[in-house]
Amino acid sequence: MESESLHELAARYREMLRQSVYLMRSLDAEGELSAGQVSTLNMLRSGPMRVSHIARNGGVRVPSATEQIIKLENAGLVTRGQDSQDARVVMVSLTPAGEQTLDQANERRNAVLAALFAALTEHERAAIAAALPALNSLSRVLDGTSQPS
């Protein structure tokens, strides 16, 4: 692909992501958690995380992430503790209640998205499914867990 067509692809992809973020945020409007809170809980699904990593992944500053984490902690959804390797570092973990609440929020999101997918043609749904592996590869390159091929 030529550089100009790569730029056009990037622009179209960014616009699609922007619209998708708005859609995902709207799915949480009826729930008990904000989109940011669901996002934070999803980050913690894979295990304890530093506040600074949560902030970076969420695209916010550490004080904003800390405020979000305090709200989640007050609701009993996360716990904060010291890193066993470095006592200066605060680690955040998902509680069992947080995992249950997250499962409910994700199920609600999935149900709404499934209904939206039902409005598409079979061909459109197949195209989305076929694109998912490439989008996953791009995400791994962007987060540094994979090298570009």
C-alpha atoms as a PDB file:
ATOM      1  CA  MET A   1       0.000   0.000   0.000  1.00  0.00           C
ATOM      2  CA  GLU A   2       1.230   3.460  -0.850  1.00  0.00           C
ATOM      3  CA  SER A   3       1.858   6.041   1.855  1.00  0.00           C
ATOM      4  CA  GLU A   4      -1.139   8.136   0.784  1.00  0.00           C
ATOM      5  CA  SER A   5      -3.523   5.175   0.930  1.00  0.00           C
ATOM      6  CA  LEU A   6      -2.081   4.200   4.328  1.00  0.00           C
ATOM      7  CA  HIS A   7      -2.883   7.723   5.559  1.00  0.00           C
ATOM      8  CA  GLU A   8      -6.427   7.395   4.220  1.00  0.00           C
ATOM      9  CA  LEU A   9      -6.799   3.994   5.901  1.00  0.00           C
ATOM     10  CA  ALA A  10      -5.497   5.475   9.168  1.00  0.00           C
ATOM     11  CA  ALA A  11      -7.956   8.370   8.952  1.00  0.00           C
ATOM     12  CA  ARG A  12     -10.901   6.055   8.255  1.00  0.00           C
ATOM     13  CA  TYR A  13      -9.853   3.714  11.069  1.00  0.00           C
ATOM     14  CA  ARG A  14      -9.501   6.584  13.577  1.00  0.00           C
ATOM     15  CA  GLU A  15     -12.952   7.901  12.635  1.00  0.00           C
ATOM     16  CA  MET A  16     -14.454   4.435  13.082  1.00  0.00           C
ATOM     17  CA  LEU A  17     -12.750   4.130  16.479  1.00  0.00           C
ATOM     18  CA  ARG A  18     -14.044   7.542  17.549  1.00  0.00           C
ATOM     19  CA  GLN A  19     -17.603   6.555  16.650  1.00  0.00           C
ATOM     20  CA  SER A  20     -17.140   3.193  18.397  1.00  0.00           C
ATOM     21  CA  VAL A  21     -15.969   4.892  21.589  1.00  0.00           C
ATOM     22  CA  TYR A  22     -19.103   7.069  21.552  1.00  0.00           C
ATOM     23  CA  LEU A  23     -21.225   3.965  21.029  1.00  0.00           C
ATOM     24  CA  MET A  24     -19.560   2.096  23.900  1.00  0.00           C
ATOM     25  CA  ARG A  25     -19.965   5.105  26.202  1.00  0.00           C
ATOM     26  CA  SER A  26     -23.662   5.310  25.336  1.00  0.00           C
ATOM     27  CA  LEU A  27     -24.087   1.628  26.266  1.00  0.00           C
ATOM     28  CA  ASP A  28     -23.047   2.459  29.819  1.00  0.00           C
ATOM     29  CA  ALA A  29     -25.482   5.348  30.196  1.00  0.00           C
ATOM     30  CA  GLU A  30     -28.116   3.023  31.669  1.00  0.00           C
ATOM     31  CA  GLY A  31     -25.704   1.099  33.888  1.00  0.00           C
ATOM     32  CA  GLU A  32     -24.537   1.766  37.414  1.00  0.00           C
ATOM     33  CA  LEU A  33     -20.942   2.335  36.259  1.00  0.00           C
ATOM     34  CA  SER A  34     -19.555   4.969  33.916  1.00  0.00           C
ATOM     35  CA  ALA A  35     -17.738   3.959  30.743  1.00  0.00           C
ATOM     36  CA  GLY A  36     -14.452   4.939  32.401  1.00  0.00           C
ATOM     37  CA  GLN A  37     -15.182   2.752  35.396  1.00  0.00           C
ATOM     38  CA  VAL A  38     -16.055  -0.236  33.208  1.00  0.00           C
ATOM     39  CA  SER A  39     -12.870   0.387  31.246  1.00  0.00           C
ATOM     40  CA  THR A  40     -10.785   0.467  34.432  1.00  0.00           C
ATOM     41  CA  LEU A  41     -12.352  -2.769  35.689  1.00  0.00           C
ATOM     42  CA  ASN A  42     -11.715  -4.420  32.306  1.00  0.00           C
ATOM     43  CA  MET A  43      -8.036  -3.414  32.543  1.00  0.00           C
ATOM     44  CA  LEU A  44      -7.804  -5.106  35.933  1.00  0.00           C
ATOM     45  CA  ARG A  45      -9.382  -8.336  34.679  1.00  0.00           C
ATOM     46  CA  SER A  46      -5.936  -9.662  33.721  1.00  0.00           C
ATOM     47  CA  GLY A  47      -4.459  -8.947  37.161  1.00  0.00           C
ATOM     48  CA  PRO A  48      -3.230  -6.203  39.498  1.00  0.00           C
ATOM     49  CA  MET A  49      -1.996  -3.042  37.840  1.00  0.00           C
ATOM     50  CA  ARG A  50      -0.122   0.097  38.823  1.00  0.00           C
ATOM     51  CA  VAL A  51      -2.159   3.275  39.003  1.00  0.00           C
ATOM     52  CA  SER A  52       0.225   4.858  36.499  1.00  0.00           C
ATOM     53  CA  HIS A  53      -0.484   2.070  33.984  1.00  0.00           C
ATOM     54  CA  ILE A  54      -4.228   2.476  34.453  1.00  0.00           C
ATOM     55  CA  ALA A  55      -3.828   6.219  33.816  1.00  0.00           C
ATOM     56  CA  ARG A  56      -1.728   5.662  30.682  1.00  0.00           C
ATOM     57  CA  ASN A  57      -4.116   3.034  29.282  1.00  0.00           C
ATOM     58  CA  GLY A  58      -7.095   5.259  30.036  1.00  0.00           C
ATOM     59  CA  GLY A  59      -5.516   8.327  28.465  1.00  0.00           C
ATOM     60  CA  VAL A  60      -5.781  10.316  31.697  1.00  0.00           C
ATOM     61  CA  ARG A  61      -3.382  11.722  34.274  1.00  0.00           C
ATOM     62  CA  VAL A  62      -2.562   9.803  37.450  1.00  0.00           C
ATOM     63  CA  PRO A  63      -4.692  12.080  39.714  1.00  0.00           C
ATOM     64  CA  SER A  64      -7.757  11.429  37.526  1.00  0.00           C
ATOM     65  CA  ALA A  65      -7.116   7.685  37.549  1.00  0.00           C
ATOM     66  CA  THR A  66      -6.651   7.793  41.313  1.00  0.00           C
ATOM     67  CA  GLU A  67      -9.991   9.567  41.728  1.00  0.00           C
ATOM     68  CA  GLN A  68     -11.667   6.889  39.604  1.00  0.00           C
ATOM     69  CA  ILE A  69      -9.987   4.117  41.592  1.00  0.00           C
ATOM     70  CA  ILE A  70     -11.063   5.647  44.926  1.00  0.00           C
ATOM     71  CA  LYS A  71     -14.687   5.636  43.727  1.00  0.00           C
ATOM     72  CA  LEU A  72     -14.363   1.994  42.667  1.00  0.00           C
ATOM     73  CA  GLU A  73     -12.690   1.127  45.965  1.00  0.00           C
ATOM     74  CA  ASN A  74     -15.473   2.851  47.945  1.00  0.00           C
ATOM     75  CA  ALA A  75     -17.976   0.740  46.000  1.00  0.00           C
ATOM     76  CA  GLY A  76     -16.038  -2.420  46.948  1.00  0.00           C
ATOM     77  CA  LEU A  77     -15.077  -3.203  43.355  1.00  0.00           C
ATOM     78  CA  VAL A  78     -11.288  -2.812  43.647  1.00  0.00           C
ATOM     79  CA  THR A  79      -8.653  -2.810  46.355  1.00  0.00           C
ATOM     80  CA  ARG A  80      -5.448  -0.811  46.536  1.00  0.00           C
ATOM     81  CA  GLY A  81      -2.243  -2.105  48.075  1.00  0.00           C
ATOM     82  CA  GLN A  82       1.519  -1.825  47.955  1.00  0.00           C
ATOM     83  CA  ASP A  83       3.616  -3.595  45.378  1.00  0.00           C
ATOM     84  CA  SER A  84       5.562  -6.443  47.005  1.00  0.00           C
ATOM     85  CA  GLN A  85       8.665  -5.377  45.032  1.00  0.00           C
ATOM     86  CA  ASP A  86       8.425  -1.614  45.638  1.00  0.00           C
ATOM     87  CA  ALA A  87       6.465  -0.218  48.605  1.00  0.00           C
ATOM     88  CA  ARG A  88       6.214   3.186  46.877  1.00  0.00           C
ATOM     89  CA  VAL A  89       4.058   1.692  44.133  1.00  0.00           C
ATOM     90  CA  VAL A  90       0.278   1.392  44.525  1.00  0.00           C
ATOM     91  CA  MET A  91      -1.234  -1.693  42.914  1.00  0.00           C
ATOM     92  CA  VAL A  92      -4.938  -1.963  42.152  1.00  0.00           C
ATOM     93  CA  SER A  93      -6.776  -5.297  42.072  1.00  0.00           C
ATOM     94  CA  LEU A  94     -10.271  -6.373  41.120  1.00  0.00           C
ATOM     95  CA  THR A  95     -12.360  -7.757  43.989  1.00  0.00           C
ATOM     96  CA  PRO A  96     -14.836 -10.646  43.563  1.00  0.00           C
ATOM     97  CA  ALA A  97     -17.650  -8.069  43.702  1.00  0.00           C
ATOM     98  CA  GLY A  98     -15.823  -6.054  41.041  1.00  0.00           C
ATOM     99  CA  GLU A  99     -15.511  -9.106  38.827  1.00  0.00           C
ATOM    100  CA  GLN A 100     -19.224  -9.874  39.194  1.00  0.00           C
ATOM    101  CA  THR A 101     -20.198  -6.269  38.476  1.00  0.00           C
ATOM    102  CA  LEU A 102     -17.867  -6.216  35.473  1.00  0.00           C
ATOM    103  CA  ASP A 103     -19.363  -9.452  34.128  1.00  0.00           C
ATOM    104  CA  GLN A 104     -22.836  -7.889  34.349  1.00  0.00           C
ATOM    105  CA  ALA A 105     -21.710  -4.671  32.639  1.00  0.00           C
ATOM    106  CA  ASN A 106     -19.960  -6.590  29.846  1.00  0.00           C
ATOM    107  CA  GLU A 107     -22.968  -8.861  29.363  1.00  0.00           C
ATOM    108  CA  ARG A 108     -25.213  -5.816  29.057  1.00  0.00           C
ATOM    109  CA  ARG A 109     -22.824  -4.291  26.503  1.00  0.00           C
ATOM    110  CA  ASN A 110     -22.637  -7.570  24.561  1.00  0.00           C
ATOM    111  CA  ALA A 111     -26.427  -7.909  24.439  1.00  0.00           C
ATOM    112  CA  VAL A 112     -26.827  -4.413  23.015  1.00  0.00           C
ATOM    113  CA  LEU A 113     -24.062  -4.952  20.463  1.00  0.00           C
ATOM    114  CA  ALA A 114     -25.531  -8.328  19.453  1.00  0.00           C
ATOM    115  CA  ALA A 115     -28.844  -6.621  18.746  1.00  0.00           C
ATOM    116  CA  LEU A 116     -27.026  -4.035  16.640  1.00  0.00           C
ATOM    117  CA  PHE A 117     -25.164  -6.762  14.740  1.00  0.00           C
ATOM    118  CA  ALA A 118     -28.519  -8.445  14.046  1.00  0.00           C
ATOM    119  CA  ALA A 119     -29.491  -5.355  12.042  1.00  0.00           C
ATOM    120  CA  LEU A 120     -26.555  -5.960   9.664  1.00  0.00           C
ATOM    121  CA  THR A 121     -26.518  -8.334   6.737  1.00  0.00           C
ATOM    122  CA  GLU A 122     -24.805 -11.692   7.056  1.00  0.00           C
ATOM    123  CA  HIS A 123     -22.133 -10.405   4.656  1.00  0.00           C
ATOM    124  CA  GLU A 124     -21.480  -7.331   6.849  1.00  0.00           C
ATOM    125  CA  ARG A 125     -21.231  -9.469  10.001  1.00  0.00           C
ATOM    126  CA  ALA A 126     -18.803 -11.824   8.226  1.00  0.00           C
ATOM    127  CA  ALA A 127     -16.669  -8.849   7.132  1.00  0.00           C
ATOM    128  CA  ILE A 128     -16.463  -7.606  10.722  1.00  0.00           C
ATOM    129  CA  ALA A 129     -15.557 -11.085  11.981  1.00  0.00           C
ATOM    130  CA  ALA A 130     -12.890 -11.429   9.275  1.00  0.00           C
ATOM    131  CA  ALA A 131     -11.330  -8.074  10.259  1.00  0.00           C
ATOM    132  CA  LEU A 132     -11.022  -8.911  13.976  1.00  0.00           C
ATOM    133  CA  PRO A 133      -7.693 -10.832  13.751  1.00  0.00           C
ATOM    134  CA  ALA A 134      -6.028  -7.946  11.890  1.00  0.00           C
ATOM    135  CA  LEU A 135      -7.440  -5.428  14.386  1.00  0.00           C
ATOM    136  CA  ASN A 136      -6.131  -7.564  17.260  1.00  0.00           C
ATOM    137  CA  SER A 137      -2.690  -7.616  15.616  1.00  0.00           C
ATOM    138  CA  LEU A 138      -2.767  -3.831  15.262  1.00  0.00           C
ATOM    139  CA  SER A 139      -3.730  -3.474  18.932  1.00  0.00           C
ATOM    140  CA  ARG A 140      -0.811  -5.676  19.987  1.00  0.00           C
ATOM    141  CA  VAL A 141       1.581  -3.549  17.899  1.00  0.00           C
ATOM    142  CA  LEU A 142       0.159  -0.357  19.408  1.00  0.00           C
ATOM    143  CA  ASP A 143       0.478  -1.591  23.002  1.00  0.00           C
ATOM    144  CA  GLY A 144       4.002  -2.895  22.405  1.00  0.00           C
ATOM    145  CA  THR A 145       3.289  -6.603  22.911  1.00  0.00           C
ATOM    146  CA  SER A 146       4.049  -7.405  19.273  1.00  0.00           C
ATOM    147  CA  GLN A 147       6.325  -6.155  16.530  1.00  0.00           C
ATOM    148  CA  PRO A 148       5.015  -4.980  13.151  1.00  0.00           C
ATOM    149  CA  SER A 149       5.302  -7.672  10.509  1.00  0.00           C
END
